[in-house]
Amino acid sequence: MISRKSFLKLTALGGLVPFKKWASSSSSSFSGKVNKPVVISTWNHGIEANKAAWNVLADNGSALDAVEAGVRVTEADPDVRTVGLGGRPDRDGFVTLDACIMDHNQRCGSVGALQHIVHPVSVARQVKEETPHVMLVGEGALDFALSQGFEKTDLLTEESKNDWREWKKEAEYNPEVNVENHDTIGMLALDKQGNLSGACTTSGTAWKMHGRVGDSPLIGSGLFVDNAVGAAAGTGVGEEVIRICGSHLVVENMRRGDSPEEACKRAVQRIVQNNDSVDGIQVGFIAINKQGQVGGYSIQQGFDYAVHDQSDNQLVDSASLR
């Protein structure tokens, strides 16, 4: 167990876990040639999402179109139980969805606690493009989605219903570090024009209180894009990400000169500093900078992310503190 006191001592002594694997070597130096296009997304379901995003990027499409197309794959997949259709419900049996999207001009849109719509990320994009607002929630978000032609759908599949009935037998709220916290797909892309965009979408933590909204639809927490610097997205325990405005912090770390992985690591360290113990808490961040370098970092082992560039579409085990 790492306590806050122990963590601060380790930091002072330089005794933190060193960087690991692919991300550290690819993020540590810049050759002078921008790696573009490139797309990065959270968790293993990012592999399939990246394929759809890459089809857009390879055809000279925009990063904005790419991230929307990519995460829509995950939203429509009932086998991904933490995003979109078939997502695990809240403790009252309702599937409520959160999503946001942000472009290279820092124009953004988001929706929170949205029910009955398979693709909340596309509703978020319509909020960005068709309203003077950034965020719509609840019934207002649903009314807006229906007015834009989105179809009302029952998101609670039989598998989700069965999970909910089983959960109600004990009704314990105790998310597992790398199972229930697979609650998000965050995706970031750099297109051939050198522009960045990002998207984030989730059904949130299973068995949450009805009306709970996590970090995923909050610009600056679950997602942030600054086209002069880079972009970042978070996943895991949303409340912890919100408390530090995590994705904005990662981007600001890159602005000061950190590599994407180092920027994510510093944000993870901030969360650890804020807690007496991080046992049972998982948070991971991914990031991309203007050079097309990518990286990720998490509190616990078990977080992975998918990266697609001209060479490959691969799943990377994130470096972690523990």
Protein backbone atom coordinates (compact mmCIF):
# COMPACT_ATOMS: atom_id res chain seq x y z
CA MET A 1 0.00 0.00 0.00
CA ILE A 2 1.29 3.49 -0.84
CA SER A 3 0.21 6.12 1.68
CA ARG A 4 0.42 9.82 0.98
CA LYS A 5 3.30 10.13 3.43
CA SER A 6 5.20 7.29 1.80
CA PHE A 7 4.56 8.68 -1.66
CA LEU A 8 5.96 12.09 -0.75
CA LYS A 9 9.04 10.43 0.72
CA LEU A 10 9.56 8.41 -2.45
CA THR A 11 9.20 11.52 -4.56
CA ALA A 12 11.81 13.35 -2.52
CA LEU A 13 14.23 10.45 -2.85
CA GLY A 14 13.63 9.98 -6.56
CA GLY A 15 12.34 6.47 -5.86
CA LEU A 16 9.28 6.35 -8.11
CA VAL A 17 8.71 3.48 -10.52
CA PRO A 18 10.64 4.22 -13.74
CA PHE A 19 9.01 4.59 -17.14
CA LYS A 20 8.27 1.35 -18.97
CA LYS A 21 7.86 -0.05 -22.45
CA TRP A 22 7.00 1.55 -25.75
CA ALA A 23 5.65 4.90 -24.66
CA SER A 24 8.78 6.07 -22.89
CA SER A 25 11.11 5.57 -25.85
CA SER A 26 8.71 7.10 -28.39
CA SER A 27 7.97 10.17 -26.26
CA SER A 28 11.41 11.08 -24.98
CA SER A 29 12.89 12.79 -28.04
CA PHE A 30 11.81 14.58 -31.20
CA SER A 31 13.48 13.79 -34.52
CA GLY A 32 12.17 16.92 -36.25
CA LYS A 33 9.59 15.01 -38.31
CA VAL A 34 5.99 15.17 -37.10
CA ASN A 35 4.33 11.76 -36.78
CA LYS A 36 0.98 12.38 -38.46
CA PRO A 37 -1.65 11.23 -38.74
CA VAL A 38 -1.92 9.34 -35.47
CA VAL A 39 -4.75 8.33 -33.14
CA ILE A 40 -4.63 7.12 -29.55
CA SER A 41 -7.49 5.78 -27.43
CA THR A 42 -8.06 4.21 -24.01
CA TRP A 43 -8.39 0.51 -23.23
CA ASN A 44 -8.43 -2.52 -25.49
CA HIS A 45 -11.70 -1.54 -27.15
CA GLY A 46 -9.64 1.28 -28.63
CA ILE A 47 -8.19 -1.10 -31.20
CA GLU A 48 -11.48 -1.38 -33.10
CA ALA A 49 -12.31 2.27 -32.54
CA ASN A 50 -8.90 3.28 -33.92
CA LYS A 51 -9.59 1.40 -37.15
CA ALA A 52 -12.63 3.56 -37.87
CA ALA A 53 -10.76 6.73 -36.93
CA TRP A 54 -7.81 5.75 -39.10
CA ASN A 55 -10.06 5.29 -42.14
CA VAL A 56 -10.99 8.96 -41.81
CA LEU A 57 -7.44 10.16 -41.18
CA ALA A 58 -5.91 8.11 -44.02
CA ASP A 59 -8.44 9.64 -46.41
CA ASN A 60 -7.21 13.13 -45.51
CA GLY A 61 -10.13 13.63 -43.13
CA SER A 62 -10.16 15.87 -40.09
CA ALA A 63 -9.19 14.81 -36.59
CA LEU A 64 -12.66 15.90 -35.45
CA ASP A 65 -14.42 13.57 -37.87
CA ALA A 66 -11.97 10.81 -36.98
CA VAL A 67 -12.54 10.86 -33.22
CA GLU A 68 -16.30 10.97 -33.64
CA ALA A 69 -16.25 8.03 -36.06
CA GLY A 70 -13.91 6.11 -33.80
CA VAL A 71 -15.78 6.29 -30.53
CA ARG A 72 -19.11 5.66 -32.25
CA VAL A 73 -17.86 2.11 -32.87
CA THR A 74 -17.54 1.55 -29.13
CA GLU A 75 -20.83 3.27 -28.34
CA ALA A 76 -22.70 0.88 -30.66
CA ASP A 77 -21.02 -2.28 -29.37
CA PRO A 78 -23.25 -4.01 -26.77
CA ASP A 79 -20.32 -6.18 -25.69
CA VAL A 80 -18.54 -3.12 -24.30
CA ARG A 81 -20.44 -2.88 -21.05
CA THR A 82 -19.25 0.56 -20.00
CA VAL A 83 -20.01 2.68 -23.06
CA GLY A 84 -23.24 3.35 -24.94
CA LEU A 85 -25.60 0.54 -25.88
CA GLY A 86 -25.55 -2.24 -23.28
CA GLY A 87 -23.74 -0.15 -20.70
CA ARG A 88 -24.25 -1.22 -17.10
CA PRO A 89 -26.99 0.84 -15.45
CA ASP A 90 -27.03 3.01 -12.36
CA ARG A 91 -28.37 1.63 -9.08
CA ASP A 92 -31.95 2.47 -10.15
CA GLY A 93 -31.65 0.49 -13.38
CA PHE A 94 -31.21 3.38 -15.84
CA VAL A 95 -28.44 3.56 -18.46
CA THR A 96 -27.25 7.17 -18.52
CA LEU A 97 -24.53 8.33 -20.87
CA ASP A 98 -21.95 11.13 -20.79
CA ALA A 99 -19.85 12.37 -23.71
CA CYS A 100 -17.92 15.32 -25.07
CA ILE A 101 -16.00 16.36 -28.15
CA MET A 102 -13.50 19.17 -28.75
CA ASP A 103 -11.86 20.47 -31.92
CA HIS A 104 -8.64 22.29 -32.79
CA ASN A 105 -10.32 25.68 -32.35
CA GLN A 106 -11.30 24.75 -28.78
CA ARG A 107 -14.92 24.61 -29.78
CA CYS A 108 -16.57 21.92 -27.75
CA GLY A 109 -19.86 20.28 -26.87
CA SER A 110 -20.97 17.79 -24.27
CA VAL A 111 -23.93 15.93 -22.83
CA GLY A 112 -24.45 14.47 -19.38
CA ALA A 113 -26.91 11.96 -17.91
CA LEU A 114 -28.38 11.38 -21.37
CA GLN A 115 -30.74 8.42 -21.75
CA HIS A 116 -32.10 6.52 -24.79
CA ILE A 117 -29.53 7.70 -27.37
CA VAL A 118 -26.90 5.25 -28.71
CA HIS A 119 -24.42 7.92 -29.85
CA PRO A 120 -24.05 10.64 -27.21
CA VAL A 121 -20.80 11.81 -28.82
CA SER A 122 -22.70 12.83 -31.94
CA VAL A 123 -25.26 14.67 -29.81
CA ALA A 124 -22.33 16.43 -28.13
CA ARG A 125 -21.05 17.47 -31.54
CA GLN A 126 -24.46 18.88 -32.41
CA VAL A 127 -24.44 20.84 -29.15
CA LYS A 128 -21.10 22.29 -30.27
CA GLU A 129 -22.26 23.15 -33.76
CA GLU A 130 -25.97 23.94 -33.39
CA THR A 131 -26.31 25.70 -30.03
CA PRO A 132 -24.66 28.61 -28.20
CA HIS A 133 -23.89 26.25 -25.31
CA VAL A 134 -21.19 23.79 -24.36
CA MET A 135 -23.20 21.31 -22.26
CA LEU A 136 -26.73 19.94 -22.10
CA VAL A 137 -27.87 17.39 -19.51
CA GLY A 138 -30.72 15.05 -18.64
CA GLU A 139 -34.11 15.60 -20.21
CA GLY A 140 -32.92 18.75 -21.94
CA ALA A 141 -30.17 16.83 -23.67
CA LEU A 142 -32.64 14.14 -24.73
CA ASP A 143 -35.12 16.72 -26.06
CA PHE A 144 -32.35 18.34 -28.07
CA ALA A 145 -31.16 14.99 -29.44
CA LEU A 146 -34.67 14.07 -30.59
CA SER A 147 -35.07 17.50 -32.20
CA GLN A 148 -31.89 16.81 -34.20
CA GLY A 149 -33.25 13.54 -35.55
CA PHE A 150 -31.60 11.05 -33.20
CA GLU A 151 -33.69 7.94 -32.55
CA LYS A 152 -34.86 6.94 -29.10
CA THR A 153 -33.50 3.48 -28.20
CA ASP A 154 -33.68 1.19 -25.19
CA LEU A 155 -30.05 1.00 -24.09
CA LEU A 156 -30.66 -1.58 -21.37
CA THR A 157 -29.88 -4.95 -22.97
CA GLU A 158 -30.84 -8.27 -21.40
CA GLU A 159 -27.26 -8.74 -20.24
CA SER A 160 -27.31 -5.38 -18.50
CA LYS A 161 -30.67 -6.14 -16.90
CA ASN A 162 -29.36 -9.45 -15.60
CA ASP A 163 -26.26 -7.76 -14.20
CA TRP A 164 -28.42 -5.20 -12.43
CA ARG A 165 -30.71 -7.83 -10.93
CA GLU A 166 -27.69 -9.75 -9.70
CA TRP A 167 -26.12 -6.63 -8.24
CA LYS A 168 -29.31 -5.74 -6.34
CA LYS A 169 -29.03 -8.94 -4.26
CA GLU A 170 -26.18 -7.35 -2.29
CA ALA A 171 -26.34 -3.76 -3.59
CA GLU A 172 -22.71 -3.09 -2.76
CA TYR A 173 -20.93 -0.21 -4.45
CA ASN A 174 -17.30 -1.29 -4.63
CA PRO A 175 -15.84 -0.78 -8.12
CA GLU A 176 -12.93 -3.02 -9.06
CA VAL A 177 -9.77 -1.28 -10.17
CA ASN A 178 -9.50 -2.59 -13.73
CA VAL A 179 -12.93 -4.07 -14.40
CA GLU A 180 -15.73 -1.68 -13.42
CA ASN A 181 -13.42 1.25 -14.10
CA HIS A 182 -13.23 0.48 -17.82
CA ASP A 183 -15.83 3.20 -17.92
CA THR A 184 -14.65 5.36 -20.80
CA ILE A 185 -13.26 5.49 -24.25
CA GLY A 186 -11.23 8.63 -24.71
CA MET A 187 -9.73 9.23 -28.15
CA LEU A 188 -7.26 11.83 -29.42
CA ALA A 189 -6.15 12.38 -33.01
CA LEU A 190 -3.66 14.42 -35.00
CA ASP A 191 -4.58 14.72 -38.68
CA LYS A 192 -2.48 15.30 -41.79
CA GLN A 193 -3.12 19.03 -41.54
CA GLY A 194 -1.52 19.03 -38.08
CA ASN A 195 -4.75 19.69 -36.21
CA LEU A 196 -5.81 17.98 -32.99
CA SER A 197 -9.23 16.91 -31.73
CA GLY A 198 -10.57 14.61 -29.05
CA ALA A 199 -13.69 12.80 -27.89
CA CYS A 200 -14.73 10.99 -24.74
CA THR A 201 -17.81 8.84 -24.10
CA THR A 202 -19.04 6.53 -21.32
CA SER A 203 -21.97 5.02 -19.48
CA GLY A 204 -20.14 5.87 -16.28
CA THR A 205 -19.37 3.78 -13.25
CA ALA A 206 -21.79 0.89 -12.82
CA TRP A 207 -24.33 1.19 -9.99
CA LYS A 208 -23.71 4.92 -9.57
CA MET A 209 -26.37 7.13 -7.97
CA HIS A 210 -28.98 8.23 -10.50
CA GLY A 211 -27.93 11.61 -11.87
CA ARG A 212 -24.23 11.15 -11.18
CA VAL A 213 -22.00 12.66 -13.86
CA GLY A 214 -18.30 11.86 -13.98
CA ASP A 215 -15.34 13.50 -15.63
CA SER A 216 -15.98 12.26 -19.17
CA PRO A 217 -18.27 15.08 -20.39
CA LEU A 218 -16.42 17.82 -18.51
CA ILE A 219 -14.08 19.83 -20.70
CA GLY A 220 -10.77 20.11 -18.88
CA SER A 221 -11.37 17.00 -16.80
CA GLY A 222 -12.12 14.04 -19.05
CA LEU A 223 -10.85 15.78 -22.19
CA PHE A 224 -8.88 18.84 -23.22
CA VAL A 225 -7.40 20.00 -26.53
CA ASP A 226 -5.04 22.90 -27.17
CA ASN A 227 -3.97 22.91 -30.79
CA ALA A 228 -0.77 24.79 -30.00
CA VAL A 229 0.38 22.17 -27.50
CA GLY A 230 -1.45 18.84 -27.44
CA ALA A 231 -4.46 16.95 -26.14
CA ALA A 232 -5.27 14.62 -23.26
CA ALA A 233 -8.03 12.36 -21.98
CA GLY A 234 -8.66 10.57 -18.70
CA THR A 235 -10.28 7.36 -17.55
CA GLY A 236 -10.94 5.66 -14.23
CA VAL A 237 -12.49 7.10 -11.09
CA GLY A 238 -14.02 10.26 -12.51
CA GLU A 239 -14.31 12.08 -9.21
CA GLU A 240 -10.52 11.98 -8.82
CA VAL A 241 -10.00 13.34 -12.34
CA ILE A 242 -12.49 16.15 -11.73
CA ARG A 243 -10.75 17.24 -8.53
CA ILE A 244 -7.53 18.07 -10.42
CA CYS A 245 -9.02 19.09 -13.81
CA GLY A 246 -6.89 16.20 -15.02
CA SER A 247 -6.78 16.51 -18.79
CA HIS A 248 -6.18 20.25 -18.64
CA LEU A 249 -3.36 19.61 -16.19
CA VAL A 250 -1.76 17.10 -18.56
CA VAL A 251 -1.86 19.59 -21.44
CA GLU A 252 -0.37 22.31 -19.26
CA ASN A 253 2.41 19.93 -18.26
CA MET A 254 3.19 19.42 -21.95
CA ARG A 255 3.13 23.19 -22.45
CA ARG A 256 5.96 23.41 -19.91
CA GLY A 257 7.96 20.90 -21.92
CA ASP A 258 6.98 17.48 -20.56
CA SER A 259 6.71 14.55 -22.94
CA PRO A 260 3.17 13.10 -23.16
CA GLU A 261 4.04 10.27 -20.78
CA GLU A 262 5.76 12.54 -18.27
CA ALA A 263 2.80 14.94 -18.43
CA CYS A 264 0.40 12.09 -17.63
CA LYS A 265 2.66 10.84 -14.85
CA ARG A 266 2.68 14.22 -13.12
CA ALA A 267 -1.13 14.32 -13.19
CA VAL A 268 -1.25 10.84 -11.64
CA GLN A 269 1.15 12.00 -8.94
CA ARG A 270 -1.18 14.90 -8.14
CA ILE A 271 -4.02 12.48 -7.50
CA VAL A 272 -1.84 10.38 -5.23
CA GLN A 273 -0.82 13.47 -3.29
CA ASN A 274 -4.50 14.26 -2.72
CA ASN A 275 -5.28 10.86 -1.15
CA ASP A 276 -4.09 9.15 2.01
CA SER A 277 -4.25 5.88 0.07
CA VAL A 278 -4.89 4.97 -3.56
CA ASP A 279 -5.74 1.33 -2.89
CA GLY A 280 -8.81 0.61 -5.02
CA ILE A 281 -8.41 3.79 -7.07
CA GLN A 282 -7.45 3.62 -10.73
CA VAL A 283 -6.96 6.64 -12.97
CA GLY A 284 -5.16 6.66 -16.29
CA PHE A 285 -4.38 9.44 -18.74
CA ILE A 286 -3.40 9.43 -22.41
CA ALA A 287 -1.84 12.34 -24.25
CA ILE A 288 -0.58 13.43 -27.65
CA ASN A 289 1.51 16.47 -28.54
CA LYS A 290 1.86 18.51 -31.73
CA GLN A 291 4.80 16.38 -32.86
CA GLY A 292 2.59 13.29 -32.89
CA GLN A 293 4.29 11.77 -29.84
CA VAL A 294 1.95 9.87 -27.54
CA GLY A 295 2.03 8.43 -24.05
CA GLY A 296 0.02 7.30 -21.08
CA TYR A 297 0.36 6.73 -17.36
CA SER A 298 -1.83 5.30 -14.61
CA ILE A 299 -1.91 4.77 -10.88
CA GLN A 300 -2.28 0.98 -10.96
CA GLN A 301 -1.06 -1.63 -13.40
CA GLY A 302 -3.66 -2.90 -15.85
CA PHE A 303 -4.39 0.24 -17.87
CA ASP A 304 -3.70 -0.04 -21.59
CA TYR A 305 -4.23 2.16 -24.62
CA ALA A 306 -4.30 1.70 -28.38
CA VAL A 307 -2.15 3.66 -30.85
CA HIS A 308 -2.62 3.73 -34.61
CA ASP A 309 -0.15 5.44 -36.94
CA GLN A 310 1.21 4.61 -40.38
CA SER A 311 3.18 1.67 -39.04
CA ASP A 312 0.67 -0.24 -36.92
CA ASN A 313 -2.41 -0.35 -34.71
CA GLN A 314 -1.16 -1.70 -31.40
CA LEU A 315 -2.19 -2.07 -27.78
CA VAL A 316 0.28 -0.65 -25.28
CA ASP A 317 0.54 -1.53 -21.59
CA SER A 318 0.68 1.80 -19.83
CA ALA A 319 3.46 2.73 -17.48
CA SER A 320 2.11 2.97 -13.95
CA LEU A 321 3.03 4.14 -10.50
CA ARG A 322 2.33 0.80 -8.82
